[in-house]
Protein backbone atom coordinates (compact mmCIF):
# COMPACT_ATOMS: atom_id res chain seq x y z
CA MET A 1 84.18 93.97 94.84
CA ASN A 2 83.78 93.62 91.35
CA THR A 3 86.92 93.35 89.60
CA LYS A 4 88.50 89.84 88.72
CA THR A 5 91.68 90.70 90.94
CA GLN A 6 89.38 91.28 93.70
CA ARG A 7 87.61 88.21 93.29
CA LEU A 8 90.55 85.93 93.18
CA ALA A 9 91.88 87.90 96.16
CA THR A 10 88.68 86.65 98.07
CA PHE A 11 89.09 83.44 96.43
CA VAL A 12 92.38 82.70 97.63
CA ILE A 13 91.87 83.96 101.22
CA GLU A 14 88.75 81.93 101.33
CA LEU A 15 90.66 78.91 100.22
CA ARG A 16 93.55 79.41 102.74
CA ALA A 17 90.78 79.51 105.76
CA GLU A 18 89.06 76.40 104.33
CA LEU A 19 92.24 74.12 103.79
CA GLY A 20 93.76 75.72 107.28
CA LEU A 21 97.01 76.85 105.05
CA ASN A 22 99.04 79.86 106.00
CA GLN A 23 100.30 82.07 103.05
CA GLU A 24 103.45 80.10 103.28
CA GLN A 25 101.99 76.54 103.15
CA LEU A 26 99.79 77.53 99.93
CA ALA A 27 102.68 79.13 98.58
CA GLN A 28 104.80 75.79 98.84
CA LYS A 29 101.52 73.52 97.84
CA LEU A 30 101.55 75.95 94.37
CA GLY A 31 105.44 75.97 94.31
CA ILE A 32 105.43 79.64 94.20
CA SER A 33 106.64 82.23 96.70
CA ARG A 34 104.90 83.58 99.97
CA PRO A 35 104.77 86.88 98.56
CA THR A 36 103.17 85.99 95.23
CA VAL A 37 100.13 84.73 97.54
CA SER A 38 100.07 88.01 99.46
CA ARG A 39 99.94 89.83 96.10
CA TRP A 40 96.90 87.64 94.78
CA GLU A 41 95.18 88.50 98.14
CA ALA A 42 96.01 92.11 98.17
CA ALA A 43 94.46 92.05 94.70
CA ASP A 44 97.63 93.27 93.05
CA CYS A 45 97.96 90.77 90.23
CA MET A 46 96.47 87.46 88.48
CA PRO A 47 98.44 84.23 88.39
CA GLY A 48 98.75 82.56 85.03
CA LYS A 49 96.55 80.05 83.69
CA PRO A 50 98.41 77.01 85.28
CA LYS A 51 98.12 78.32 88.96
CA LEU A 52 94.42 79.31 88.15
CA LYS A 53 93.96 75.75 87.51
CA GLN A 54 95.64 74.40 90.51
CA LEU A 55 93.63 76.84 92.62
CA ALA A 56 90.45 75.70 91.17
CA GLN A 57 91.54 72.11 91.69
CA LEU A 58 92.40 73.00 95.75
CA ARG A 59 88.87 74.11 95.97
CA GLY A 60 87.54 71.24 94.03
CA TRP A 61 85.91 73.37 91.24
CA GLU A 62 86.46 72.91 87.35
CA GLU A 63 88.51 75.13 85.63
CA GLU A 64 85.80 76.90 83.69
CA HIS A 65 83.48 77.28 86.69
CA PHE A 66 86.45 78.98 88.28
CA GLN A 67 87.11 81.20 85.41
CA ALA A 68 83.23 82.07 85.23
CA TYR A 69 83.46 82.95 89.13
CA LEU A 70 86.44 85.37 87.99
CA ASN A 71 84.63 86.79 85.50
CA THR A 72 80.83 87.13 86.93
CA GLY A 73 81.51 86.63 90.55
CA GLN A 74 78.80 83.80 90.46
CA LYS A 75 79.87 80.64 92.53
CA PRO A 76 79.34 77.34 91.07
CA THR A 77 76.76 74.97 92.30
CA GLU A 78 78.58 72.78 94.78
CA ASP A 79 77.96 68.69 94.47
CA PRO A 80 79.24 67.50 97.46
CA LEU A 81 80.39 63.94 96.01
CA GLU A 82 81.94 65.93 92.95
CA ASN A 83 84.40 67.76 95.42
CA ILE A 84 85.37 65.04 97.48
CA LEU A 85 86.78 63.07 94.30
CA SER A 86 88.34 66.35 93.13
CA LYS A 87 89.94 66.68 96.70
CA LEU A 88 90.99 62.71 96.47
CA ARG A 89 92.61 63.37 92.67
CA SER A 90 94.79 66.13 94.08
CA LEU A 91 96.09 64.09 97.20
CA PRO A 92 99.47 61.85 97.09
CA ALA A 93 98.61 58.04 96.48
CA ALA A 94 99.33 57.37 100.23
CA SER A 95 97.04 59.66 101.30
CA VAL A 96 93.94 58.08 98.91
CA VAL A 97 95.32 54.65 100.13
CA ARG A 98 94.25 56.00 103.72
CA VAL A 99 91.06 57.30 102.62
CA ILE A 100 90.11 53.79 101.16
CA GLN A 101 91.12 51.78 104.02
CA GLU A 102 89.24 54.28 106.34
CA GLY A 103 86.35 53.84 103.99
CA ALA A 104 86.55 50.20 104.22
CA ARG A 105 86.72 50.15 108.01
CA VAL A 106 83.70 52.13 108.06
CA LEU A 107 81.64 50.13 105.65
CA ALA A 108 82.66 47.02 107.89
CA LEU A 109 81.81 48.39 110.80
CA THR A 110 78.29 49.54 109.41
CA HIS A 111 77.97 46.08 108.02
CA ASN A 112 78.55 44.19 111.17
CA SER A 113 76.20 46.83 113.32
CA HIS A 114 73.54 45.62 110.87
CA SER A 115 74.13 41.83 110.70
CA ASP A 116 74.31 42.25 114.60
CA SER A 117 71.00 43.76 114.80
CA GLY A 118 68.96 41.21 112.38
CA ALA A 119 70.68 38.24 114.36
CA ALA A 120 68.58 39.45 117.39
């Protein structure tokens, strides 16, 4: 497996599994047809630059790292914080608000548990 289209096929299959999406759901997310996703996964064709950028963003990769992976097969080193931030950037505003609220809730619980243990 060494051609650019074969690496793209592997990437798309892994991305769908990672996101828990079927071909139709990924197609909708990208604004394309399901047969197009199928063709990518079969290594029949390559998407244009705008779709490659969207695919990279969905995985939390920088566009240039994705291009390097397609060309060489070498995956970028993955910084967990950068992956989280990248995924946050791709979410709708309402989802980001939910993430912030949950983060605040967890911080409050953590703070309260530390305060309680210090008072004893």
